[in-house]
């Protein structure tokens, strides 16, 4: 879809910057026309100005295309929210979350992925990394470990997601 849009824009730019016929230049610069029209005709037909306009348009389209490509390649986690239940308090990243139900959303702080755990009016923001899975997760999977009697949640794979959310320690 983006490629089709770029082709259409290039086509419009190519037709927009075509050389006007000599008859149209003569009509504008005939005696009796205001000087501003004659100046516009000269500016429009100036080869150096036309080349600069074409190069500028090409650079802008290239930057837009590369930006769209890079943006499309960024892993985004999931959209919307998910429900998580912790049966007992657990260390998630660097924070201890009390037991209970949480609404979890995925967000970004600059280039850093974060998981936002909300319980009632409390909000816990935990840094995470995304690891691609070979295929979509069939079920939600929590990876826990017990360290010194403390439950530590290392990662979550949400059902239907293509990424594992690994929490920073």
N, C-alpha and C. Protein backbone atom coordinates (compact mmCIF):
# COMPACT_ATOMS: atom_id res chain seq x y z
N UNK A 1 0.83 -1.19 0.00
CA UNK A 1 0.00 0.00 0.00
C UNK A 1 0.87 1.26 0.00
N UNK A 2 1.92 1.24 0.86
CA UNK A 2 2.82 2.39 0.92
C UNK A 2 3.57 2.57 -0.39
N UNK A 3 3.93 1.45 -1.03
CA UNK A 3 4.65 1.52 -2.30
C UNK A 3 3.76 2.14 -3.36
N UNK A 4 2.49 1.75 -3.38
CA UNK A 4 1.55 2.32 -4.34
C UNK A 4 1.43 3.83 -4.12
N UNK A 5 1.38 4.26 -2.87
CA UNK A 5 1.31 5.69 -2.56
C UNK A 5 2.54 6.43 -3.05
N UNK A 6 3.72 5.83 -2.86
CA UNK A 6 4.96 6.46 -3.32
C UNK A 6 4.98 6.58 -4.84
N UNK A 7 4.51 5.55 -5.54
CA UNK A 7 4.48 5.59 -7.00
C UNK A 7 3.55 6.70 -7.47
N UNK A 8 2.40 6.84 -6.82
CA UNK A 8 1.45 7.88 -7.20
C UNK A 8 2.05 9.27 -6.98
N UNK A 9 2.72 9.47 -5.84
CA UNK A 9 3.32 10.77 -5.55
C UNK A 9 4.41 11.08 -6.56
N UNK A 10 5.26 10.08 -6.89
CA UNK A 10 6.31 10.29 -7.89
C UNK A 10 5.71 10.67 -9.23
N UNK A 11 4.63 10.02 -9.61
CA UNK A 11 3.96 10.33 -10.87
C UNK A 11 3.42 11.75 -10.88
N UNK A 12 2.82 12.17 -9.78
CA UNK A 12 2.31 13.54 -9.69
C UNK A 12 3.44 14.55 -9.76
N UNK A 13 4.55 14.25 -9.06
CA UNK A 13 5.68 15.17 -9.10
C UNK A 13 6.27 15.26 -10.49
N UNK A 14 6.34 14.15 -11.19
CA UNK A 14 6.90 14.15 -12.54
C UNK A 14 6.05 15.00 -13.48
N UNK A 15 4.73 14.91 -13.37
CA UNK A 15 3.87 15.71 -14.24
C UNK A 15 3.84 17.17 -13.81
N UNK A 16 4.00 17.43 -12.50
CA UNK A 16 3.98 18.79 -11.99
C UNK A 16 5.20 19.58 -12.46
N UNK A 17 6.34 18.91 -12.57
CA UNK A 17 7.57 19.61 -12.88
C UNK A 17 7.98 19.48 -14.35
N UNK A 18 7.05 19.15 -15.22
CA UNK A 18 7.38 19.07 -16.65
C UNK A 18 7.57 20.46 -17.20
N UNK A 19 8.34 20.54 -18.26
CA UNK A 19 8.64 21.83 -18.88
C UNK A 19 7.40 22.38 -19.57
N UNK A 20 7.04 23.66 -19.30
CA UNK A 20 5.89 24.22 -19.99
C UNK A 20 6.23 24.47 -21.46
N UNK A 21 5.22 24.46 -22.29
CA UNK A 21 5.46 24.71 -23.72
C UNK A 21 5.83 26.17 -23.92
N UNK A 22 6.52 26.47 -25.00
CA UNK A 22 6.94 27.84 -25.28
C UNK A 22 5.74 28.75 -25.50
N UNK A 23 4.65 28.20 -26.01
CA UNK A 23 3.48 29.04 -26.26
C UNK A 23 2.91 29.58 -24.96
N UNK A 24 2.92 28.75 -23.89
CA UNK A 24 2.37 29.24 -22.63
C UNK A 24 3.27 30.30 -22.02
N UNK A 25 4.58 30.19 -22.24
CA UNK A 25 5.49 31.21 -21.73
C UNK A 25 5.27 32.50 -22.50
N UNK A 26 5.11 32.40 -23.81
CA UNK A 26 4.88 33.59 -24.62
C UNK A 26 3.59 34.29 -24.22
N UNK A 27 2.54 33.51 -23.93
CA UNK A 27 1.27 34.12 -23.56
C UNK A 27 1.41 34.94 -22.29
N UNK A 28 2.16 34.44 -21.33
CA UNK A 28 2.30 35.14 -20.06
C UNK A 28 3.18 36.36 -20.21
N UNK A 29 4.18 36.30 -21.10
CA UNK A 29 5.14 37.40 -21.21
C UNK A 29 4.82 38.35 -22.35
N UNK A 30 3.66 38.23 -22.96
CA UNK A 30 3.28 39.16 -24.04
C UNK A 30 3.19 40.58 -23.49
N UNK A 31 3.39 41.54 -24.35
CA UNK A 31 3.28 42.94 -23.90
C UNK A 31 1.90 43.20 -23.31
N UNK A 32 1.88 43.98 -22.27
CA UNK A 32 0.61 44.33 -21.64
C UNK A 32 0.31 43.50 -20.40
N UNK A 33 1.04 42.41 -20.18
CA UNK A 33 0.81 41.62 -18.97
C UNK A 33 1.60 42.24 -17.83
N UNK A 34 1.10 42.09 -16.60
CA UNK A 34 1.83 42.66 -15.45
C UNK A 34 3.23 42.06 -15.33
N UNK A 35 4.16 42.83 -14.81
CA UNK A 35 5.56 42.38 -14.67
C UNK A 35 5.65 41.16 -13.76
N UNK A 36 4.77 41.05 -12.75
CA UNK A 36 4.86 39.91 -11.83
C UNK A 36 4.59 38.59 -12.55
N UNK A 37 3.69 38.58 -13.54
CA UNK A 37 3.43 37.37 -14.29
C UNK A 37 4.66 36.97 -15.10
N UNK A 38 5.32 37.94 -15.69
CA UNK A 38 6.52 37.66 -16.46
C UNK A 38 7.61 37.10 -15.57
N UNK A 39 7.74 37.66 -14.37
CA UNK A 39 8.75 37.16 -13.43
C UNK A 39 8.43 35.73 -13.02
N UNK A 40 7.15 35.43 -12.79
CA UNK A 40 6.76 34.07 -12.43
C UNK A 40 7.08 33.09 -13.55
N UNK A 41 6.86 33.49 -14.78
CA UNK A 41 7.14 32.61 -15.91
C UNK A 41 8.63 32.32 -15.99
N UNK A 42 9.47 33.31 -15.75
CA UNK A 42 10.92 33.11 -15.79
C UNK A 42 11.34 32.18 -14.66
N UNK A 43 10.81 32.38 -13.44
CA UNK A 43 11.17 31.53 -12.31
C UNK A 43 10.73 30.08 -12.55
N UNK A 44 9.56 29.92 -13.14
CA UNK A 44 9.04 28.56 -13.36
C UNK A 44 9.85 27.80 -14.41
N UNK A 45 10.42 28.51 -15.37
CA UNK A 45 11.15 27.84 -16.44
C UNK A 45 12.65 27.82 -16.20
N UNK A 46 13.14 28.38 -15.08
CA UNK A 46 14.57 28.39 -14.77
C UNK A 46 15.04 26.95 -14.53
N UNK A 47 15.94 26.40 -15.36
CA UNK A 47 16.38 25.00 -15.22
C UNK A 47 17.02 24.69 -13.87
N UNK A 48 17.82 25.58 -13.34
CA UNK A 48 18.48 25.33 -12.05
C UNK A 48 17.44 25.21 -10.94
N UNK A 49 16.45 26.07 -10.96
CA UNK A 49 15.40 26.02 -9.94
C UNK A 49 14.58 24.73 -10.04
N UNK A 50 14.31 24.31 -11.27
CA UNK A 50 13.54 23.07 -11.47
C UNK A 50 14.31 21.86 -10.97
N UNK A 51 15.61 21.82 -11.23
CA UNK A 51 16.43 20.71 -10.76
C UNK A 51 16.46 20.68 -9.23
N UNK A 52 16.59 21.84 -8.61
CA UNK A 52 16.58 21.92 -7.15
C UNK A 52 15.25 21.42 -6.59
N UNK A 53 14.14 21.80 -7.21
CA UNK A 53 12.83 21.35 -6.76
C UNK A 53 12.69 19.84 -6.88
N UNK A 54 13.17 19.27 -7.98
CA UNK A 54 13.11 17.82 -8.17
C UNK A 54 13.95 17.09 -7.14
N UNK A 55 15.17 17.59 -6.89
CA UNK A 55 16.04 16.95 -5.90
C UNK A 55 15.43 17.02 -4.50
N UNK A 56 14.85 18.16 -4.16
CA UNK A 56 14.22 18.31 -2.85
C UNK A 56 13.05 17.35 -2.70
N UNK A 57 12.23 17.23 -3.73
CA UNK A 57 11.10 16.30 -3.69
C UNK A 57 11.59 14.86 -3.56
N UNK A 58 12.64 14.51 -4.28
CA UNK A 58 13.19 13.16 -4.22
C UNK A 58 13.73 12.84 -2.84
N UNK A 59 14.43 13.79 -2.22
CA UNK A 59 14.98 13.59 -0.87
C UNK A 59 13.84 13.42 0.13
N UNK A 60 12.81 14.26 0.04
CA UNK A 60 11.68 14.16 0.97
C UNK A 60 10.95 12.82 0.83
N UNK A 61 10.74 12.38 -0.38
CA UNK A 61 10.06 11.10 -0.60
C UNK A 61 10.93 9.95 -0.08
N UNK A 62 12.23 10.03 -0.30
CA UNK A 62 13.13 8.99 0.19
C UNK A 62 13.13 8.91 1.71
N UNK A 63 13.19 10.06 2.37
CA UNK A 63 13.17 10.09 3.83
C UNK A 63 11.85 9.52 4.35
N UNK A 64 10.74 9.89 3.73
CA UNK A 64 9.44 9.37 4.13
C UNK A 64 9.38 7.85 3.96
N UNK A 65 9.87 7.35 2.83
CA UNK A 65 9.85 5.92 2.58
C UNK A 65 10.69 5.15 3.57
N UNK A 66 11.89 5.62 3.85
CA UNK A 66 12.77 4.94 4.82
C UNK A 66 12.15 4.99 6.21
N UNK A 67 11.57 6.13 6.58
CA UNK A 67 10.93 6.25 7.89
C UNK A 67 9.78 5.26 8.04
N UNK A 68 8.95 5.15 7.02
CA UNK A 68 7.84 4.19 7.08
C UNK A 68 8.34 2.75 7.19
N UNK A 69 9.40 2.43 6.46
CA UNK A 69 9.96 1.08 6.51
C UNK A 69 10.50 0.77 7.90
N UNK A 70 11.26 1.69 8.49
CA UNK A 70 11.83 1.48 9.82
C UNK A 70 10.72 1.37 10.85
N UNK A 71 9.72 2.23 10.75
CA UNK A 71 8.60 2.19 11.70
C UNK A 71 7.86 0.86 11.63
N UNK A 72 7.68 0.34 10.43
CA UNK A 72 6.95 -0.92 10.26
C UNK A 72 7.71 -2.11 10.82
N UNK A 73 9.03 -2.00 10.92
CA UNK A 73 9.85 -3.11 11.42
C UNK A 73 9.95 -3.14 12.94
N UNK A 74 9.51 -2.10 13.63
CA UNK A 74 9.63 -2.04 15.08
C UNK A 74 8.64 -3.00 15.74
N UNK A 75 9.12 -3.85 16.66
CA UNK A 75 8.17 -4.67 17.41
C UNK A 75 7.37 -3.78 18.35
N UNK A 76 6.08 -3.98 18.39
CA UNK A 76 5.23 -3.09 19.17
C UNK A 76 4.59 -3.77 20.38
N UNK A 77 4.93 -5.02 20.65
CA UNK A 77 4.27 -5.68 21.77
C UNK A 77 2.84 -5.99 21.40
N UNK A 78 1.90 -5.61 22.23
CA UNK A 78 0.50 -5.85 21.92
C UNK A 78 -0.27 -4.55 22.03
N UNK A 79 -1.43 -4.52 21.43
CA UNK A 79 -2.29 -3.35 21.53
C UNK A 79 -3.42 -3.68 22.49
N UNK A 80 -4.02 -2.67 23.04
CA UNK A 80 -5.11 -2.89 23.99
C UNK A 80 -4.55 -3.24 25.36
N UNK A 81 -5.30 -4.02 26.10
CA UNK A 81 -4.86 -4.41 27.44
C UNK A 81 -5.11 -5.89 27.65
N UNK A 82 -4.43 -6.43 28.62
CA UNK A 82 -4.57 -7.84 28.99
C UNK A 82 -4.79 -7.92 30.50
N UNK A 83 -5.36 -9.02 30.93
CA UNK A 83 -5.58 -9.27 32.36
C UNK A 83 -4.54 -10.26 32.86
N UNK A 84 -3.97 -9.96 34.02
CA UNK A 84 -2.96 -10.81 34.64
C UNK A 84 -3.36 -11.03 36.08
N UNK A 85 -3.19 -12.27 36.56
CA UNK A 85 -3.48 -12.59 37.96
C UNK A 85 -2.21 -13.11 38.61
N UNK A 86 -1.80 -12.46 39.71
CA UNK A 86 -0.67 -12.93 40.50
C UNK A 86 -1.24 -13.53 41.78
N UNK A 87 -0.97 -14.82 42.01
CA UNK A 87 -1.54 -15.51 43.19
C UNK A 87 -0.85 -15.09 44.49
N UNK A 88 0.35 -14.60 44.39
CA UNK A 88 1.06 -14.07 45.55
C UNK A 88 1.97 -12.93 45.09
N UNK A 89 2.48 -12.15 46.05
CA UNK A 89 3.32 -11.03 45.64
C UNK A 89 4.53 -11.57 44.88
N UNK A 90 4.96 -10.78 43.89
CA UNK A 90 6.05 -11.23 43.02
C UNK A 90 6.94 -10.06 42.64
N UNK A 91 8.22 -10.37 42.48
CA UNK A 91 9.17 -9.38 41.98
C UNK A 91 9.06 -9.38 40.46
N UNK A 92 8.70 -8.22 39.90
CA UNK A 92 8.59 -8.07 38.45
C UNK A 92 9.53 -6.94 38.07
N UNK A 93 10.58 -7.29 37.36
CA UNK A 93 11.61 -6.29 37.07
C UNK A 93 12.30 -5.90 38.36
N UNK A 94 12.18 -4.64 38.74
CA UNK A 94 12.79 -4.17 39.99
C UNK A 94 11.74 -3.83 41.05
N UNK A 95 10.46 -4.14 40.78
CA UNK A 95 9.38 -3.78 41.70
C UNK A 95 8.67 -5.03 42.22
N UNK A 96 8.23 -4.95 43.48
CA UNK A 96 7.44 -6.03 44.06
C UNK A 96 5.97 -5.66 43.89
N UNK A 97 5.23 -6.53 43.18
CA UNK A 97 3.80 -6.30 42.96
C UNK A 97 3.01 -7.17 43.92
N UNK A 98 2.03 -6.59 44.61
CA UNK A 98 1.19 -7.39 45.50
C UNK A 98 0.32 -8.38 44.72
N UNK A 99 -0.12 -9.41 45.38
CA UNK A 99 -0.99 -10.41 44.75
C UNK A 99 -2.29 -9.74 44.31
N UNK A 100 -2.88 -10.28 43.23
CA UNK A 100 -4.16 -9.77 42.77
C UNK A 100 -4.25 -9.68 41.26
N UNK A 101 -5.37 -9.13 40.81
CA UNK A 101 -5.62 -8.95 39.38
C UNK A 101 -5.03 -7.63 38.90
N UNK A 102 -4.49 -7.65 37.69
CA UNK A 102 -3.90 -6.45 37.08
C UNK A 102 -4.39 -6.32 35.65
N UNK A 103 -4.57 -5.07 35.24
CA UNK A 103 -4.77 -4.77 33.84
C UNK A 103 -3.41 -4.34 33.32
N UNK A 104 -2.94 -5.01 32.27
CA UNK A 104 -1.60 -4.75 31.75
C UNK A 104 -1.69 -4.15 30.35
N UNK A 105 -0.95 -3.07 30.14
CA UNK A 105 -0.82 -2.48 28.81
C UNK A 105 0.66 -2.38 28.47
N UNK A 106 0.93 -2.33 27.19
CA UNK A 106 2.31 -2.20 26.72
C UNK A 106 2.50 -0.77 26.24
N UNK A 107 3.64 -0.17 26.59
CA UNK A 107 3.90 1.20 26.16
C UNK A 107 5.37 1.41 25.86
N UNK A 108 5.67 2.63 25.50
CA UNK A 108 7.05 3.00 25.18
C UNK A 108 7.42 4.25 25.98
N UNK A 109 8.65 4.28 26.47
CA UNK A 109 9.24 5.48 27.06
C UNK A 109 10.51 5.72 26.27
N UNK A 110 10.42 6.58 25.26
CA UNK A 110 11.53 6.75 24.32
C UNK A 110 11.64 5.48 23.49
N UNK A 111 12.82 4.86 23.52
CA UNK A 111 13.03 3.62 22.78
C UNK A 111 12.84 2.39 23.66
N UNK A 112 12.57 2.59 24.95
CA UNK A 112 12.44 1.50 25.92
C UNK A 112 11.00 1.00 26.00
N UNK A 113 10.82 -0.31 25.86
CA UNK A 113 9.50 -0.93 26.03
C UNK A 113 9.20 -1.03 27.52
N UNK A 114 7.96 -0.78 27.89
CA UNK A 114 7.54 -0.94 29.28
C UNK A 114 6.20 -1.65 29.34
N UNK A 115 5.98 -2.35 30.44
CA UNK A 115 4.68 -2.95 30.74
C UNK A 115 4.11 -2.15 31.89
N UNK A 116 2.85 -1.76 31.78
CA UNK A 116 2.20 -0.97 32.81
C UNK A 116 1.16 -1.86 33.48
N UNK A 117 1.41 -2.20 34.74
CA UNK A 117 0.51 -3.03 35.53
C UNK A 117 -0.36 -2.10 36.37
N UNK A 118 -1.70 -2.17 36.19
CA UNK A 118 -2.61 -1.32 36.96
C UNK A 118 -3.50 -2.20 37.83
N UNK A 119 -3.55 -1.81 39.11
CA UNK A 119 -4.42 -2.50 40.07
C UNK A 119 -5.12 -1.42 40.87
N UNK A 120 -6.44 -1.32 40.70
CA UNK A 120 -7.22 -0.23 41.29
C UNK A 120 -6.60 1.09 40.84
N UNK A 121 -6.08 1.90 41.78
CA UNK A 121 -5.49 3.18 41.40
C UNK A 121 -3.97 3.14 41.39
N UNK A 122 -3.40 1.98 41.68
CA UNK A 122 -1.94 1.84 41.69
C UNK A 122 -1.46 1.50 40.28
N UNK A 123 -0.29 2.03 39.95
CA UNK A 123 0.29 1.76 38.63
C UNK A 123 1.77 1.41 38.82
N UNK A 124 2.18 0.30 38.22
CA UNK A 124 3.57 -0.15 38.27
C UNK A 124 4.10 -0.18 36.84
N UNK A 125 5.20 0.54 36.59
CA UNK A 125 5.81 0.60 35.27
C UNK A 125 7.09 -0.22 35.32
N UNK A 126 7.14 -1.25 34.45
CA UNK A 126 8.27 -2.18 34.47
C UNK A 126 8.89 -2.23 33.08
N UNK A 127 10.22 -2.03 33.00
CA UNK A 127 10.93 -2.12 31.72
C UNK A 127 10.93 -3.56 31.25
N UNK A 128 10.82 -3.73 29.93
CA UNK A 128 10.86 -5.07 29.37
C UNK A 128 11.53 -5.06 28.01
N UNK A 129 11.96 -6.23 27.59
CA UNK A 129 12.50 -6.43 26.25
C UNK A 129 11.58 -7.41 25.53
N UNK A 130 11.50 -7.28 24.23
CA UNK A 130 10.67 -8.19 23.44
C UNK A 130 11.57 -9.21 22.74
N UNK A 131 11.24 -10.47 22.93
CA UNK A 131 11.93 -11.55 22.23
C UNK A 131 10.92 -12.18 21.26
N UNK A 132 11.25 -12.24 19.98
CA UNK A 132 10.31 -12.83 19.02
C UNK A 132 10.14 -14.33 19.26
N UNK A 133 8.92 -14.79 19.09
CA UNK A 133 8.62 -16.22 19.19
C UNK A 133 8.58 -16.81 17.78
N UNK A 134 8.83 -18.11 17.68
CA UNK A 134 8.80 -18.79 16.38
C UNK A 134 7.40 -18.71 15.76
N UNK A 135 6.38 -18.81 16.60
CA UNK A 135 4.99 -18.70 16.14
C UNK A 135 4.18 -18.07 17.26
N UNK A 136 2.94 -17.71 16.95
CA UNK A 136 2.09 -17.09 17.95
C UNK A 136 1.91 -18.01 19.16
N UNK A 137 1.91 -17.41 20.35
CA UNK A 137 1.71 -18.18 21.57
C UNK A 137 0.28 -18.71 21.60
N UNK A 138 0.14 -19.98 21.92
CA UNK A 138 -1.19 -20.59 21.96
C UNK A 138 -1.91 -20.31 23.27
N UNK A 139 -1.14 -20.06 24.33
CA UNK A 139 -1.72 -19.78 25.65
C UNK A 139 -0.85 -18.76 26.35
N UNK A 140 -1.40 -18.11 27.36
CA UNK A 140 -0.63 -17.17 28.16
C UNK A 140 0.25 -17.96 29.11
N UNK A 141 1.56 -17.64 29.07
CA UNK A 141 2.54 -18.38 29.88
C UNK A 141 3.33 -17.39 30.73
N UNK A 142 3.39 -17.68 32.04
CA UNK A 142 4.19 -16.89 32.97
C UNK A 142 5.42 -17.70 33.32
N UNK A 143 6.60 -17.10 33.27
CA UNK A 143 7.82 -17.81 33.68
C UNK A 143 8.26 -17.23 35.02
N UNK A 144 8.12 -18.08 36.06
CA UNK A 144 8.47 -17.70 37.42
C UNK A 144 9.72 -18.44 37.86
N UNK A 145 10.35 -17.91 38.89
CA UNK A 145 11.41 -18.61 39.61
C UNK A 145 11.30 -18.17 41.05
N UNK A 146 11.80 -18.98 41.93
CA UNK A 146 11.79 -18.63 43.35
C UNK A 146 13.22 -18.35 43.77
N UNK A 147 13.47 -17.13 44.22
CA UNK A 147 14.81 -16.72 44.65
C UNK A 147 14.72 -16.26 46.10
N UNK A 148 15.31 -17.04 46.99
CA UNK A 148 15.29 -16.70 48.42
C UNK A 148 13.89 -16.61 48.98
N UNK A 149 12.99 -17.49 48.55
CA UNK A 149 11.62 -17.49 49.04
C UNK A 149 10.74 -16.43 48.37
N UNK A 150 11.30 -15.63 47.47
CA UNK A 150 10.55 -14.58 46.77
C UNK A 150 10.22 -15.07 45.36
N UNK A 151 8.93 -14.94 44.95
CA UNK A 151 8.54 -15.27 43.58
C UNK A 151 9.07 -14.17 42.65
N UNK A 152 9.74 -14.58 41.57
CA UNK A 152 10.26 -13.63 40.59
C UNK A 152 9.63 -13.96 39.24
N UNK A 153 8.92 -13.00 38.67
CA UNK A 153 8.32 -13.18 37.36
C UNK A 153 9.31 -12.67 36.33
N UNK A 154 9.85 -13.59 35.50
CA UNK A 154 10.87 -13.23 34.51
C UNK A 154 10.28 -12.80 33.18
N UNK A 155 9.20 -13.47 32.76
CA UNK A 155 8.64 -13.12 31.46
C UNK A 155 7.19 -13.55 31.36
N UNK A 156 6.50 -12.95 30.37
CA UNK A 156 5.12 -13.33 30.06
C UNK A 156 5.00 -13.45 28.54
N UNK A 157 4.33 -14.52 28.11
CA UNK A 157 3.91 -14.67 26.71
C UNK A 157 2.40 -14.64 26.72
N UNK A 158 1.81 -13.68 26.03
CA UNK A 158 0.36 -13.59 25.99
C UNK A 158 -0.17 -14.40 24.81
N UNK A 159 -1.29 -15.06 25.03
CA UNK A 159 -1.93 -15.85 23.99
C UNK A 159 -2.18 -15.00 22.75
N UNK A 160 -1.75 -15.51 21.59
CA UNK A 160 -1.95 -14.80 20.33
C UNK A 160 -0.84 -13.82 19.98
N UNK A 161 0.11 -13.59 20.92
CA UNK A 161 1.21 -12.67 20.67
C UNK A 161 2.36 -13.35 19.94
N UNK A 162 3.17 -12.55 19.26
CA UNK A 162 4.35 -13.07 18.57
C UNK A 162 5.63 -12.76 19.35
N UNK A 163 5.49 -12.16 20.55
CA UNK A 163 6.66 -11.77 21.34
C UNK A 163 6.53 -12.22 22.78
N UNK A 164 7.68 -12.52 23.39
CA UNK A 164 7.77 -12.80 24.83
C UNK A 164 8.24 -11.50 25.47
N UNK A 165 7.58 -11.10 26.55
CA UNK A 165 7.95 -9.89 27.27
C UNK A 165 8.86 -10.31 28.42
N UNK A 166 10.15 -9.96 28.32
CA UNK A 166 11.15 -10.33 29.34
C UNK A 166 11.43 -9.09 30.16
N UNK A 167 11.26 -9.23 31.47
CA UNK A 167 11.40 -8.07 32.36
C UNK A 167 12.85 -7.83 32.74
N UNK A 168 13.24 -6.55 32.74
CA UNK A 168 14.61 -6.17 33.12
C UNK A 168 14.79 -6.44 34.59
N UNK A 169 15.96 -6.91 34.94
CA UNK A 169 16.24 -7.22 36.36
C UNK A 169 17.11 -6.18 36.97
